[in-house]
């Protein structure tokens, strides 16, 4: 049975591990052909995540990639109030973050442990589990490193050596500019490091939290850069045409090469967004 873990040590260890990459200079920012993109929640196309369950299936809306293909993918999962899946396994490991509502994901016989928005969990491939939800609107961001994403019966369960983790939002550890070289000195932006890939060099996932009234830039390197708004909302300026897009919870911004992301928090609450990247960040 999975437990909610206090992961105070994990972000700190990850922080020291990644400092080797942050020491590299990010110098030339004269970007001729920016690759910045946005995907708004209002434009997400929803379909059944598990068509075999018919009307009882949760819905899935792709933000990037293609969960039916042999590629990395990020998508939104939507669950109705009272949803509970039968015990099952997946052929691939996934990571997930609660965006709205309350979601439980654990061994079939475990007591319900409801994760609130901002909570993070992982589900190893081959392990039997159930997923349940309660609340008027229940949405999670889910990502896989390789597809296709399939649902299989528990008689095909196996132990692949990975162990699941549930991190409640109350156990997220935030680091300020005094602890991360990615944040400009005296900035009120905070980071929380969630995971780092053992298989792909430099691929990692983290939370970024910006205060009310923040207006600044995030410079990113690498060909992998996907960010999903988890809590609150931000105004994002596309460099191609200076168009300002309002990104609410579940919306995504991305780039496939070195990029400058101009962001403003015009809301009355802090904003939190998740970043998946294989590069470095410079947050002003």
C-alpha atoms as a PDB file:
ATOM      1  CA  UNK A   1       0.000   0.000   0.000  1.00  0.00           C
ATOM      2  CA  UNK A   2       1.299   3.444  -0.894  1.00  0.00           C
ATOM      3  CA  UNK A   3       1.844   6.033   1.807  1.00  0.00           C
ATOM      4  CA  UNK A   4       1.777   9.810   1.719  1.00  0.00           C
ATOM      5  CA  UNK A   5       5.436  10.696   2.051  1.00  0.00           C
ATOM      6  CA  UNK A   6       7.165  13.695   3.527  1.00  0.00           C
ATOM      7  CA  UNK A   7       9.792  14.333   0.877  1.00  0.00           C
ATOM      8  CA  UNK A   8      11.812  17.106   2.482  1.00  0.00           C
ATOM      9  CA  UNK A   9      15.058  15.393   1.539  1.00  0.00           C
ATOM     10  CA  UNK A  10      14.199  14.665  -2.106  1.00  0.00           C
ATOM     11  CA  UNK A  11      14.069  18.239  -3.484  1.00  0.00           C
ATOM     12  CA  UNK A  12      17.300  19.116  -1.675  1.00  0.00           C
ATOM     13  CA  UNK A  13      19.167  16.122  -3.073  1.00  0.00           C
ATOM     14  CA  UNK A  14      17.815  16.876  -6.522  1.00  0.00           C
ATOM     15  CA  UNK A  15      18.848  20.497  -6.151  1.00  0.00           C
ATOM     16  CA  UNK A  16      22.465  19.619  -5.495  1.00  0.00           C
ATOM     17  CA  UNK A  17      22.464  17.082  -8.336  1.00  0.00           C
ATOM     18  CA  UNK A  18      21.234  19.602 -10.888  1.00  0.00           C
ATOM     19  CA  UNK A  19      23.569  22.436  -9.974  1.00  0.00           C
ATOM     20  CA  UNK A  20      26.188  21.063 -12.355  1.00  0.00           C
ATOM     21  CA  UNK A  21      23.931  22.058 -15.258  1.00  0.00           C
ATOM     22  CA  UNK A  22      22.981  25.476 -13.877  1.00  0.00           C
ATOM     23  CA  UNK A  23      26.592  26.639 -13.879  1.00  0.00           C
ATOM     24  CA  UNK A  24      26.594  26.622 -17.684  1.00  0.00           C
ATOM     25  CA  UNK A  25      26.143  30.119 -19.074  1.00  0.00           C
ATOM     26  CA  UNK A  26      22.890  30.948 -20.847  1.00  0.00           C
ATOM     27  CA  UNK A  27      24.257  33.718 -22.999  1.00  0.00           C
ATOM     28  CA  UNK A  28      22.852  34.205 -26.507  1.00  0.00           C
ATOM     29  CA  UNK A  29      19.132  35.060 -26.363  1.00  0.00           C
ATOM     30  CA  UNK A  30      18.675  36.616 -29.784  1.00  0.00           C
ATOM     31  CA  UNK A  31      16.084  34.032 -30.864  1.00  0.00           C
ATOM     32  CA  UNK A  32      15.205  34.405 -34.562  1.00  0.00           C
ATOM     33  CA  UNK A  33      12.501  31.737 -34.820  1.00  0.00           C
ATOM     34  CA  UNK A  34      10.825  31.161 -31.442  1.00  0.00           C
ATOM     35  CA  UNK A  35       9.055  27.833 -30.947  1.00  0.00           C
ATOM     36  CA  UNK A  36       6.780  28.980 -28.091  1.00  0.00           C
ATOM     37  CA  UNK A  37       3.284  27.489 -28.127  1.00  0.00           C
ATOM     38  CA  UNK A  38       0.224  27.452 -25.875  1.00  0.00           C
ATOM     39  CA  UNK A  39      -2.623  24.975 -25.452  1.00  0.00           C
ATOM     40  CA  UNK A  40      -5.653  26.412 -23.663  1.00  0.00           C
ATOM     41  CA  UNK A  41      -8.053  24.222 -21.704  1.00  0.00           C
ATOM     42  CA  UNK A  42     -10.951  25.558 -23.764  1.00  0.00           C
ATOM     43  CA  UNK A  43      -9.302  24.105 -26.871  1.00  0.00           C
ATOM     44  CA  UNK A  44      -8.653  20.635 -25.433  1.00  0.00           C
ATOM     45  CA  UNK A  45     -10.420  17.818 -27.299  1.00  0.00           C
ATOM     46  CA  UNK A  46     -11.889  15.289 -24.857  1.00  0.00           C
ATOM     47  CA  UNK A  47     -12.337  11.565 -25.527  1.00  0.00           C
ATOM     48  CA  UNK A  48     -12.833   8.419 -23.485  1.00  0.00           C
ATOM     49  CA  UNK A  49      -9.660   7.303 -21.733  1.00  0.00           C
ATOM     50  CA  UNK A  50     -10.816   3.684 -21.593  1.00  0.00           C
ATOM     51  CA  UNK A  51     -13.472   3.172 -24.310  1.00  0.00           C
ATOM     52  CA  UNK A  52     -14.087  -0.395 -23.102  1.00  0.00           C
ATOM     53  CA  UNK A  53     -15.906   1.075 -20.070  1.00  0.00           C
ATOM     54  CA  UNK A  54     -18.290   3.129 -22.183  1.00  0.00           C
ATOM     55  CA  UNK A  55     -20.008   5.946 -20.289  1.00  0.00           C
ATOM     56  CA  UNK A  56     -18.142   4.954 -17.099  1.00  0.00           C
ATOM     57  CA  UNK A  57     -14.800   5.815 -18.669  1.00  0.00           C
ATOM     58  CA  UNK A  58     -12.940   8.926 -17.509  1.00  0.00           C
ATOM     59  CA  UNK A  59     -12.180  11.486 -20.195  1.00  0.00           C
ATOM     60  CA  UNK A  60      -8.756  12.371 -21.577  1.00  0.00           C
ATOM     61  CA  UNK A  61      -7.659  15.587 -23.282  1.00  0.00           C
ATOM     62  CA  UNK A  62      -4.204  15.692 -24.871  1.00  0.00           C
ATOM     63  CA  UNK A  63      -1.988  18.717 -24.189  1.00  0.00           C
ATOM     64  CA  UNK A  64       1.079  17.463 -26.061  1.00  0.00           C
ATOM     65  CA  UNK A  65       2.230  14.205 -27.639  1.00  0.00           C
ATOM     66  CA  UNK A  66      -0.063  11.257 -28.397  1.00  0.00           C
ATOM     67  CA  UNK A  67      -0.847   8.691 -25.713  1.00  0.00           C
ATOM     68  CA  UNK A  68      -1.820   6.151 -28.413  1.00  0.00           C
ATOM     69  CA  UNK A  69       1.609   6.333 -30.063  1.00  0.00           C
ATOM     70  CA  UNK A  70       5.161   5.413 -29.095  1.00  0.00           C
ATOM     71  CA  UNK A  71       5.999   8.915 -27.802  1.00  0.00           C
ATOM     72  CA  UNK A  72       6.113  10.871 -24.561  1.00  0.00           C
ATOM     73  CA  UNK A  73       2.735  12.469 -23.812  1.00  0.00           C
ATOM     74  CA  UNK A  74       1.029  14.836 -21.401  1.00  0.00           C
ATOM     75  CA  UNK A  75      -2.746  14.915 -21.078  1.00  0.00           C
ATOM     76  CA  UNK A  76      -5.580  15.873 -18.740  1.00  0.00           C
ATOM     77  CA  UNK A  77      -7.721  13.197 -17.119  1.00  0.00           C
ATOM     78  CA  UNK A  78     -11.258  14.144 -16.057  1.00  0.00           C
ATOM     79  CA  UNK A  79     -13.277  12.047 -13.580  1.00  0.00           C
ATOM     80  CA  UNK A  80     -16.908  12.373 -12.507  1.00  0.00           C
ATOM     81  CA  UNK A  81     -17.908  12.633  -8.846  1.00  0.00           C
ATOM     82  CA  UNK A  82     -17.935   9.162  -7.305  1.00  0.00           C
ATOM     83  CA  UNK A  83     -15.793   7.594 -10.031  1.00  0.00           C
ATOM     84  CA  UNK A  84     -13.945   4.436  -9.040  1.00  0.00           C
ATOM     85  CA  UNK A  85     -12.115   2.206 -11.472  1.00  0.00           C
ATOM     86  CA  UNK A  86     -11.929  -1.565 -11.198  1.00  0.00           C
ATOM     87  CA  UNK A  87      -8.489  -2.919 -10.249  1.00  0.00           C
ATOM     88  CA  UNK A  88      -6.199  -2.756 -13.289  1.00  0.00           C
ATOM     89  CA  UNK A  89      -2.631  -2.234 -14.456  1.00  0.00           C
ATOM     90  CA  UNK A  90      -0.928  -0.117 -17.124  1.00  0.00           C
ATOM     91  CA  UNK A  91       1.768  -1.091 -19.569  1.00  0.00           C
ATOM     92  CA  UNK A  92       3.701   2.129 -18.869  1.00  0.00           C
ATOM     93  CA  UNK A  93       4.609   4.098 -15.759  1.00  0.00           C
ATOM     94  CA  UNK A  94       2.929   7.458 -15.374  1.00  0.00           C
ATOM     95  CA  UNK A  95       3.250  10.569 -13.199  1.00  0.00           C
ATOM     96  CA  UNK A  96       0.270  12.693 -12.229  1.00  0.00           C
ATOM     97  CA  UNK A  97      -0.675  15.930 -10.487  1.00  0.00           C
ATOM     98  CA  UNK A  98      -4.100  16.788  -9.090  1.00  0.00           C
ATOM     99  CA  UNK A  99      -5.444  20.019 -10.597  1.00  0.00           C
ATOM    100  CA  UNK A 100      -9.056  20.031  -9.380  1.00  0.00           C
ATOM    101  CA  UNK A 101     -11.150  17.975  -6.958  1.00  0.00           C
ATOM    102  CA  UNK A 102      -9.970  15.013  -4.882  1.00  0.00           C
ATOM    103  CA  UNK A 103      -8.321  11.916  -6.331  1.00  0.00           C
ATOM    104  CA  UNK A 104      -7.321   8.602  -4.774  1.00  0.00           C
ATOM    105  CA  UNK A 105      -4.811   6.269  -6.441  1.00  0.00           C
ATOM    106  CA  UNK A 106      -3.572   3.233  -4.559  1.00  0.00           C
ATOM    107  CA  UNK A 107      -3.618  -0.516  -4.084  1.00  0.00           C
ATOM    108  CA  UNK A 108      -7.080  -2.068  -4.583  1.00  0.00           C
ATOM    109  CA  UNK A 109      -7.496  -2.838  -0.862  1.00  0.00           C
ATOM    110  CA  UNK A 110      -6.081   0.418   0.526  1.00  0.00           C
ATOM    111  CA  UNK A 111      -8.213   2.880   2.444  1.00  0.00           C
ATOM    112  CA  UNK A 112      -9.080   6.004   0.489  1.00  0.00           C
ATOM    113  CA  UNK A 113      -6.413   8.708   0.730  1.00  0.00           C
ATOM    114  CA  UNK A 114      -7.811  11.761  -1.040  1.00  0.00           C
ATOM    115  CA  UNK A 115      -5.184  13.922  -2.727  1.00  0.00           C
ATOM    116  CA  UNK A 116      -6.036  17.598  -3.151  1.00  0.00           C
ATOM    117  CA  UNK A 117      -4.920  19.996  -5.926  1.00  0.00           C
ATOM    118  CA  UNK A 118      -1.146  20.327  -6.054  1.00  0.00           C
ATOM    119  CA  UNK A 119      -0.536  16.730  -4.930  1.00  0.00           C
ATOM    120  CA  UNK A 120       1.794  14.536  -6.987  1.00  0.00           C
ATOM    121  CA  UNK A 121       1.837  10.781  -7.489  1.00  0.00           C
ATOM    122  CA  UNK A 122       3.484   8.098  -9.585  1.00  0.00           C
ATOM    123  CA  UNK A 123       2.033   4.792 -10.773  1.00  0.00           C
ATOM    124  CA  UNK A 124       4.559   2.116 -11.861  1.00  0.00           C
ATOM    125  CA  UNK A 125       3.732  -0.052 -14.845  1.00  0.00           C
ATOM    126  CA  UNK A 126       2.529  -3.533 -14.025  1.00  0.00           C
ATOM    127  CA  UNK A 127       1.245  -2.712 -10.535  1.00  0.00           C
ATOM    128  CA  UNK A 128      -2.413  -3.376  -9.685  1.00  0.00           C
ATOM    129  CA  UNK A 129      -4.257  -0.298  -8.430  1.00  0.00           C
ATOM    130  CA  UNK A 130      -7.506   1.628  -8.529  1.00  0.00           C
ATOM    131  CA  UNK A 131      -8.235   5.304  -9.166  1.00  0.00           C
ATOM    132  CA  UNK A 132     -11.184   7.116  -7.589  1.00  0.00           C
ATOM    133  CA  UNK A 133     -12.445  10.693  -7.485  1.00  0.00           C
ATOM    134  CA  UNK A 134     -14.880  12.856  -5.544  1.00  0.00           C
ATOM    135  CA  UNK A 135     -15.969  16.424  -6.177  1.00  0.00           C
ATOM    136  CA  UNK A 136     -17.973  18.344  -8.769  1.00  0.00           C
ATOM    137  CA  UNK A 137     -14.925  18.608 -11.053  1.00  0.00           C
ATOM    138  CA  UNK A 138     -11.950  16.252 -10.799  1.00  0.00           C
ATOM    139  CA  UNK A 139      -9.004  16.805 -13.129  1.00  0.00           C
ATOM    140  CA  UNK A 140      -5.411  15.575 -13.083  1.00  0.00           C
ATOM    141  CA  UNK A 141      -2.455  16.179 -15.349  1.00  0.00           C
ATOM    142  CA  UNK A 142      -0.921  12.847 -16.399  1.00  0.00           C
ATOM    143  CA  UNK A 143       2.305  12.246 -18.311  1.00  0.00           C
ATOM    144  CA  UNK A 144       4.156   9.246 -19.698  1.00  0.00           C
ATOM    145  CA  UNK A 145       7.684   8.996 -21.067  1.00  0.00           C
ATOM    146  CA  UNK A 146       6.666   6.549 -23.766  1.00  0.00           C
ATOM    147  CA  UNK A 147       3.387   5.244 -25.164  1.00  0.00           C
ATOM    148  CA  UNK A 148       1.064   3.829 -26.034  1.00  0.00           C
ATOM    149  CA  UNK A 149      -0.860   4.130 -22.756  1.00  0.00           C
ATOM    150  CA  UNK A 150      -2.949   0.975 -22.244  1.00  0.00           C
ATOM    151  CA  UNK A 151      -5.207  -0.456 -19.536  1.00  0.00           C
ATOM    152  CA  UNK A 152      -4.817  -4.184 -18.799  1.00  0.00           C
ATOM    153  CA  UNK A 153      -6.366  -6.686 -16.336  1.00  0.00           C
ATOM    154  CA  UNK A 154      -4.730  -7.494 -13.012  1.00  0.00           C
ATOM    155  CA  UNK A 155      -4.016 -11.099 -13.993  1.00  0.00           C
ATOM    156  CA  UNK A 156      -1.180  -9.583 -16.040  1.00  0.00           C
ATOM    157  CA  UNK A 157       0.267  -7.700 -13.045  1.00  0.00           C
ATOM    158  CA  UNK A 158       4.003  -7.825 -12.366  1.00  0.00           C
ATOM    159  CA  UNK A 159       6.678  -6.066 -10.321  1.00  0.00           C
ATOM    160  CA  UNK A 160       8.982  -4.010 -12.530  1.00  0.00           C
ATOM    161  CA  UNK A 161      11.133  -2.856  -9.607  1.00  0.00           C
ATOM    162  CA  UNK A 162       9.677   0.669  -9.342  1.00  0.00           C
ATOM    163  CA  UNK A 163       7.808   1.835  -6.262  1.00  0.00           C
ATOM    164  CA  UNK A 164       4.830   4.205  -6.294  1.00  0.00           C
ATOM    165  CA  UNK A 165       4.865   7.526  -4.447  1.00  0.00           C
ATOM    166  CA  UNK A 166       2.053   9.777  -3.239  1.00  0.00           C
ATOM    167  CA  UNK A 167       3.134  13.282  -2.222  1.00  0.00           C
ATOM    168  CA  UNK A 168       0.348  15.293  -0.619  1.00  0.00           C
ATOM    169  CA  UNK A 169       0.310  19.012  -1.406  1.00  0.00           C
ATOM    170  CA  UNK A 170       1.055  19.693   2.275  1.00  0.00           C
ATOM    171  CA  UNK A 171       4.378  17.837   1.909  1.00  0.00           C
ATOM    172  CA  UNK A 172       5.670  19.822  -1.067  1.00  0.00           C
ATOM    173  CA  UNK A 173       8.968  21.505  -0.104  1.00  0.00           C
ATOM    174  CA  UNK A 174       9.599  24.923  -1.645  1.00  0.00           C
ATOM    175  CA  UNK A 175      13.050  26.399  -2.311  1.00  0.00           C
ATOM    176  CA  UNK A 176      13.732  30.110  -2.771  1.00  0.00           C
ATOM    177  CA  UNK A 177      16.451  32.050  -4.559  1.00  0.00           C
ATOM    178  CA  UNK A 178      18.897  31.323  -1.726  1.00  0.00           C
ATOM    179  CA  UNK A 179      18.643  27.596  -2.525  1.00  0.00           C
ATOM    180  CA  UNK A 180      18.420  27.517  -6.325  1.00  0.00           C
ATOM    181  CA  UNK A 181      20.690  29.146  -8.912  1.00  0.00           C
ATOM    182  CA  UNK A 182      17.763  29.041 -11.346  1.00  0.00           C
ATOM    183  CA  UNK A 183      16.008  31.903  -9.520  1.00  0.00           C
ATOM    184  CA  UNK A 184      17.237  35.514  -9.678  1.00  0.00           C
ATOM    185  CA  UNK A 185      18.587  36.865  -6.399  1.00  0.00           C
ATOM    186  CA  UNK A 186      15.932  38.280  -4.032  1.00  0.00           C
ATOM    187  CA  UNK A 187      13.108  36.997  -6.264  1.00  0.00           C
ATOM    188  CA  UNK A 188       9.983  35.737  -4.509  1.00  0.00           C
ATOM    189  CA  UNK A 189       9.614  32.886  -7.010  1.00  0.00           C
ATOM    190  CA  UNK A 190       9.948  29.417  -5.484  1.00  0.00           C
ATOM    191  CA  UNK A 191      10.729  25.965  -6.912  1.00  0.00           C
ATOM    192  CA  UNK A 192      10.010  22.427  -5.796  1.00  0.00           C
ATOM    193  CA  UNK A 193      11.893  19.595  -7.522  1.00  0.00           C
ATOM    194  CA  UNK A 194       9.740  16.486  -8.029  1.00  0.00           C
ATOM    195  CA  UNK A 195      11.667  13.929 -10.067  1.00  0.00           C
ATOM    196  CA  UNK A 196      14.649  13.266 -12.312  1.00  0.00           C
ATOM    197  CA  UNK A 197      14.836  10.562 -14.990  1.00  0.00           C
ATOM    198  CA  UNK A 198      17.272   7.673 -14.623  1.00  0.00           C
ATOM    199  CA  UNK A 199      17.015   6.862 -18.306  1.00  0.00           C
ATOM    200  CA  UNK A 200      17.152  10.207 -20.109  1.00  0.00           C
ATOM    201  CA  UNK A 201      19.950  12.644 -19.295  1.00  0.00           C
ATOM    202  CA  UNK A 202      18.785  15.858 -17.629  1.00  0.00           C
ATOM    203  CA  UNK A 203      15.036  15.145 -17.982  1.00  0.00           C
ATOM    204  CA  UNK A 204      13.304  16.385 -14.858  1.00  0.00           C
ATOM    205  CA  UNK A 205      10.044  17.725 -13.426  1.00  0.00           C
ATOM    206  CA  UNK A 206       9.440  20.574 -10.979  1.00  0.00           C
ATOM    207  CA  UNK A 207       6.890  23.034  -9.654  1.00  0.00           C
ATOM    208  CA  UNK A 208       7.298  26.805 -10.014  1.00  0.00           C
ATOM    209  CA  UNK A 209       5.309  29.139  -7.750  1.00  0.00           C
ATOM    210  CA  UNK A 210       5.018  32.841  -8.591  1.00  0.00           C
ATOM    211  CA  UNK A 211       3.552  35.489  -6.286  1.00  0.00           C
ATOM    212  CA  UNK A 212       0.639  37.833  -6.945  1.00  0.00           C
ATOM    213  CA  UNK A 213       1.777  40.684  -9.182  1.00  0.00           C
ATOM    214  CA  UNK A 214       4.754  38.812 -10.600  1.00  0.00           C
ATOM    215  CA  UNK A 215       5.878  39.946 -14.052  1.00  0.00           C
ATOM    216  CA  UNK A 216       9.016  38.453 -15.485  1.00  0.00           C
ATOM    217  CA  UNK A 217      10.602  35.887 -17.748  1.00  0.00           C
ATOM    218  CA  UNK A 218      11.668  32.274 -17.651  1.00  0.00           C
ATOM    219  CA  UNK A 219      14.489  31.441 -20.039  1.00  0.00           C
ATOM    220  CA  UNK A 220      14.624  27.753 -20.914  1.00  0.00           C
ATOM    221  CA  UNK A 221      17.138  25.620 -22.774  1.00  0.00           C
ATOM    222  CA  UNK A 222      16.777  22.143 -24.232  1.00  0.00           C
ATOM    223  CA  UNK A 223      14.373  20.686 -26.768  1.00  0.00           C
ATOM    224  CA  UNK A 224      11.938  19.493 -24.088  1.00  0.00           C
ATOM    225  CA  UNK A 225       9.970  22.203 -22.283  1.00  0.00           C
ATOM    226  CA  UNK A 226       6.343  21.652 -21.324  1.00  0.00           C
ATOM    227  CA  UNK A 227       4.596  23.566 -18.568  1.00  0.00           C
ATOM    228  CA  UNK A 228       1.071  23.056 -17.213  1.00  0.00           C
ATOM    229  CA  UNK A 229      -0.777  25.487 -14.944  1.00  0.00           C
ATOM    230  CA  UNK A 230      -1.734  23.613 -11.776  1.00  0.00           C
ATOM    231  CA  UNK A 231      -3.184  26.358  -9.573  1.00  0.00           C
ATOM    232  CA  UNK A 232      -4.277  29.918 -10.312  1.00  0.00           C
ATOM    233  CA  UNK A 233      -3.744  31.537 -13.695  1.00  0.00           C
ATOM    234  CA  UNK A 234      -1.116  33.405 -15.689  1.00  0.00           C
ATOM    235  CA  UNK A 235      -0.895  35.763 -18.646  1.00  0.00           C
ATOM    236  CA  UNK A 236       1.552  34.434 -21.243  1.00  0.00           C
ATOM    237  CA  UNK A 237       2.948  36.546 -24.080  1.00  0.00           C
ATOM    238  CA  UNK A 238       3.755  34.741 -27.313  1.00  0.00           C
ATOM    239  CA  UNK A 239       6.989  36.211 -28.759  1.00  0.00           C
ATOM    240  CA  UNK A 240       5.959  35.533 -32.371  1.00  0.00           C
ATOM    241  CA  UNK A 241       3.219  38.189 -32.310  1.00  0.00           C
ATOM    242  CA  UNK A 242       3.183  39.607 -28.742  1.00  0.00           C
ATOM    243  CA  UNK A 243      -0.299  38.175 -28.257  1.00  0.00           C
ATOM    244  CA  UNK A 244      -1.196  37.743 -24.589  1.00  0.00           C
ATOM    245  CA  UNK A 245      -2.992  34.490 -23.751  1.00  0.00           C
ATOM    246  CA  UNK A 246      -4.767  33.833 -20.452  1.00  0.00           C
ATOM    247  CA  UNK A 247      -3.761  30.395 -19.191  1.00  0.00           C
ATOM    248  CA  UNK A 248      -6.069  28.927 -16.571  1.00  0.00           C
ATOM    249  CA  UNK A 249      -5.659  25.661 -14.665  1.00  0.00           C
ATOM    250  CA  UNK A 250      -4.854  22.841 -17.078  1.00  0.00           C
ATOM    251  CA  UNK A 251      -3.554  25.117 -19.829  1.00  0.00           C
ATOM    252  CA  UNK A 252      -0.069  24.496 -21.190  1.00  0.00           C
ATOM    253  CA  UNK A 253       2.815  26.472 -22.662  1.00  0.00           C
ATOM    254  CA  UNK A 254       5.831  24.891 -24.357  1.00  0.00           C
ATOM    255  CA  UNK A 255       8.902  25.308 -26.553  1.00  0.00           C
ATOM    256  CA  UNK A 256      11.053  22.877 -28.523  1.00  0.00           C
ATOM    257  CA  UNK A 257      14.285  24.894 -28.443  1.00  0.00           C
ATOM    258  CA  UNK A 258      15.886  27.658 -26.388  1.00  0.00           C
ATOM    259  CA  UNK A 259      13.096  30.086 -25.472  1.00  0.00           C
ATOM    260  CA  UNK A 260      12.039  33.106 -23.444  1.00  0.00           C
ATOM    261  CA  UNK A 261       8.684  32.785 -21.672  1.00  0.00           C
ATOM    262  CA  UNK A 262       7.145  36.116 -20.615  1.00  0.00           C
ATOM    263  CA  UNK A 263       4.723  35.570 -17.747  1.00  0.00           C
ATOM    264  CA  UNK A 264       2.552  37.760 -15.540  1.00  0.00           C
ATOM    265  CA  UNK A 265       0.344  36.865 -12.589  1.00  0.00           C
ATOM    266  CA  UNK A 266      -2.604  39.244 -12.680  1.00  0.00           C
ATOM    267  CA  UNK A 267      -4.769  37.052 -10.436  1.00  0.00           C
ATOM    268  CA  UNK A 268      -5.468  37.539  -6.707  1.00  0.00           C
ATOM    269  CA  UNK A 269      -3.630  34.359  -5.689  1.00  0.00           C
ATOM    270  CA  UNK A 270      -0.255  32.735  -6.197  1.00  0.00           C
ATOM    271  CA  UNK A 271       0.114  30.688  -9.354  1.00  0.00           C
ATOM    272  CA  UNK A 272       1.726  27.260  -9.519  1.00  0.00           C
ATOM    273  CA  UNK A 273       2.774  25.553 -12.726  1.00  0.00           C
ATOM    274  CA  UNK A 274       4.579  22.314 -13.451  1.00  0.00           C
ATOM    275  CA  UNK A 275       7.574  22.171 -15.797  1.00  0.00           C
ATOM    276  CA  UNK A 276       8.977  19.127 -17.590  1.00  0.00           C
ATOM    277  CA  UNK A 277      12.321  19.878 -19.223  1.00  0.00           C
ATOM    278  CA  UNK A 278      15.677  18.449 -20.203  1.00  0.00           C
ATOM    279  CA  UNK A 279      17.335  21.859 -20.098  1.00  0.00           C
ATOM    280  CA  UNK A 280      18.051  24.562 -17.560  1.00  0.00           C
ATOM    281  CA  UNK A 281      15.951  27.513 -16.406  1.00  0.00           C
ATOM    282  CA  UNK A 282      16.775  31.131 -15.647  1.00  0.00           C
ATOM    283  CA  UNK A 283      13.899  32.780 -13.775  1.00  0.00           C
ATOM    284  CA  UNK A 284      13.913  36.565 -13.486  1.00  0.00           C
END
